[in-house]
């Protein structure tokens, strides 16, 4: 399951729990576009700490391809990824690598606490 809420006027927090797949992520992004002032959002916290990142290599490739095709939804944003396990950390590294390889203008960093993530988001938006 993925839920999201606004943090102030220009940040969102996305909370992932249980088994999360690429299709659910795409649906959540589409919902954000409809229900928030999404293109004014500058910072996103992806909290993966309660998620089972069990996306197959094929589904992961499809997910990254979708993000690259729709890069406007993450361009010029700072994304702080909260992780606890090696699978979550590996997903974060793959996410950053794919966006770098495809020249998507997004800042991505990984953290283990919300406090660290919030500090980084505030600094990255200056």
Protein backbone atom coordinates (compact mmCIF):
# COMPACT_ATOMS: atom_id res chain seq x y z
CA UNK A 1 0.00 0.00 0.00
CA UNK A 2 1.17 3.54 -0.72
CA UNK A 3 -0.29 6.64 0.90
CA UNK A 4 0.84 10.24 0.64
CA UNK A 5 0.24 13.54 2.35
CA UNK A 6 1.45 17.08 2.00
CA UNK A 7 4.20 18.43 4.25
CA UNK A 8 3.88 22.18 4.14
CA UNK A 9 3.25 23.92 0.87
CA UNK A 10 5.94 22.37 -1.31
CA UNK A 11 6.74 18.88 0.04
CA UNK A 12 5.07 15.47 0.05
CA UNK A 13 5.70 12.32 2.03
CA UNK A 14 4.94 8.99 0.38
CA UNK A 15 4.59 6.10 2.82
CA UNK A 16 5.07 2.60 1.41
CA UNK A 17 4.03 -0.51 3.35
CA UNK A 18 3.73 -4.22 2.65
CA UNK A 19 4.32 -5.55 -0.85
CA UNK A 20 4.57 -2.63 -3.23
CA UNK A 21 4.66 -2.99 -6.98
CA UNK A 22 5.37 -0.64 -9.87
CA UNK A 23 1.70 -0.46 -10.96
CA UNK A 24 0.67 0.79 -7.53
CA UNK A 25 3.41 3.45 -7.64
CA UNK A 26 2.21 4.70 -11.04
CA UNK A 27 -1.38 4.90 -9.78
CA UNK A 28 -0.24 6.84 -6.71
CA UNK A 29 1.68 9.34 -8.88
CA UNK A 30 -1.39 9.86 -11.07
CA UNK A 31 -3.47 10.47 -7.92
CA UNK A 32 -0.91 13.03 -6.70
CA UNK A 33 -1.15 14.87 -10.00
CA UNK A 34 -4.94 15.08 -9.65
CA UNK A 35 -5.23 15.95 -5.95
CA UNK A 36 -2.26 18.22 -5.16
CA UNK A 37 -0.54 21.26 -6.62
CA UNK A 38 2.07 18.72 -7.72
CA UNK A 39 4.16 20.84 -10.07
CA UNK A 40 4.87 23.28 -7.22
CA UNK A 41 6.13 20.43 -5.03
CA UNK A 42 9.92 20.65 -4.72
CA UNK A 43 10.62 17.92 -2.19
CA UNK A 44 9.42 14.33 -1.78
CA UNK A 45 10.15 11.90 1.02
CA UNK A 46 9.77 8.27 -0.14
CA UNK A 47 9.48 6.30 3.10
CA UNK A 48 10.21 2.70 2.12
CA UNK A 49 11.06 1.50 5.64
CA UNK A 50 7.85 -0.58 6.02
CA UNK A 51 7.81 -1.83 2.42
CA UNK A 52 8.80 -5.13 0.89
CA UNK A 53 10.60 -4.13 -2.27
CA UNK A 54 9.93 -7.27 -4.30
CA UNK A 55 9.76 -5.92 -7.83
CA UNK A 56 11.09 -8.32 -10.47
CA UNK A 57 13.85 -7.11 -12.78
CA UNK A 58 11.40 -6.91 -15.68
CA UNK A 59 8.84 -4.92 -13.66
CA UNK A 60 11.59 -2.69 -12.30
CA UNK A 61 12.78 -1.97 -15.86
CA UNK A 62 9.17 -1.12 -16.87
CA UNK A 63 8.84 1.14 -13.83
CA UNK A 64 12.03 3.07 -14.61
CA UNK A 65 11.08 3.29 -18.30
CA UNK A 66 7.72 4.79 -17.26
CA UNK A 67 9.46 7.34 -15.02
CA UNK A 68 11.86 8.33 -17.79
CA UNK A 69 8.98 8.75 -20.26
CA UNK A 70 7.14 10.85 -17.68
CA UNK A 71 10.19 12.58 -16.25
CA UNK A 72 8.35 15.90 -15.88
CA UNK A 73 6.74 14.51 -12.72
CA UNK A 74 10.09 14.26 -10.92
CA UNK A 75 12.31 16.78 -12.71
CA UNK A 76 13.64 19.64 -10.61
CA UNK A 77 12.60 17.91 -7.41
CA UNK A 78 14.60 16.60 -4.47
CA UNK A 79 13.70 13.06 -3.42
CA UNK A 80 14.79 11.76 -0.02
CA UNK A 81 14.45 7.98 0.19
CA UNK A 82 14.11 6.49 3.67
CA UNK A 83 15.40 2.91 3.88
CA UNK A 84 15.99 0.23 6.48
CA UNK A 85 16.87 -2.96 4.55
CA UNK A 86 19.37 -3.85 1.85
CA UNK A 87 16.58 -4.42 -0.72
CA UNK A 88 15.23 -0.93 -0.04
CA UNK A 89 18.71 0.56 -0.23
CA UNK A 90 19.40 -1.30 -3.50
CA UNK A 91 16.13 0.06 -4.98
CA UNK A 92 17.22 3.60 -4.05
CA UNK A 93 20.60 3.17 -5.73
CA UNK A 94 18.95 1.74 -8.87
CA UNK A 95 16.46 4.63 -8.91
CA UNK A 96 19.26 7.21 -8.71
CA UNK A 97 21.40 5.37 -11.30
CA UNK A 98 18.56 5.16 -13.81
CA UNK A 99 17.66 8.84 -13.47
CA UNK A 100 21.34 9.79 -13.88
CA UNK A 101 21.77 7.55 -16.95
CA UNK A 102 18.74 9.17 -18.60
CA UNK A 103 19.76 12.73 -17.62
CA UNK A 104 16.64 13.35 -15.53
CA UNK A 105 17.21 16.54 -13.52
CA UNK A 106 16.39 15.25 -10.04
CA UNK A 107 18.33 15.11 -6.78
CA UNK A 108 18.08 11.79 -4.94
CA UNK A 109 19.61 10.87 -1.60
CA UNK A 110 19.02 8.05 0.90
CA UNK A 111 18.57 8.34 4.64
CA UNK A 112 17.67 6.21 7.64
CA UNK A 113 15.71 8.87 9.56
CA UNK A 114 13.04 11.41 8.71
CA UNK A 115 14.99 14.13 10.50
CA UNK A 116 18.03 13.65 8.24
CA UNK A 117 15.77 13.59 5.17
CA UNK A 118 13.96 16.80 6.16
CA UNK A 119 17.23 18.62 6.82
CA UNK A 120 18.56 17.56 3.41
CA UNK A 121 15.31 18.58 1.66
CA UNK A 122 15.42 22.02 3.25
CA UNK A 123 19.06 22.47 2.22
CA UNK A 124 18.55 21.17 -1.32
CA UNK A 125 15.72 23.61 -2.00
CA UNK A 126 17.78 26.73 -1.28
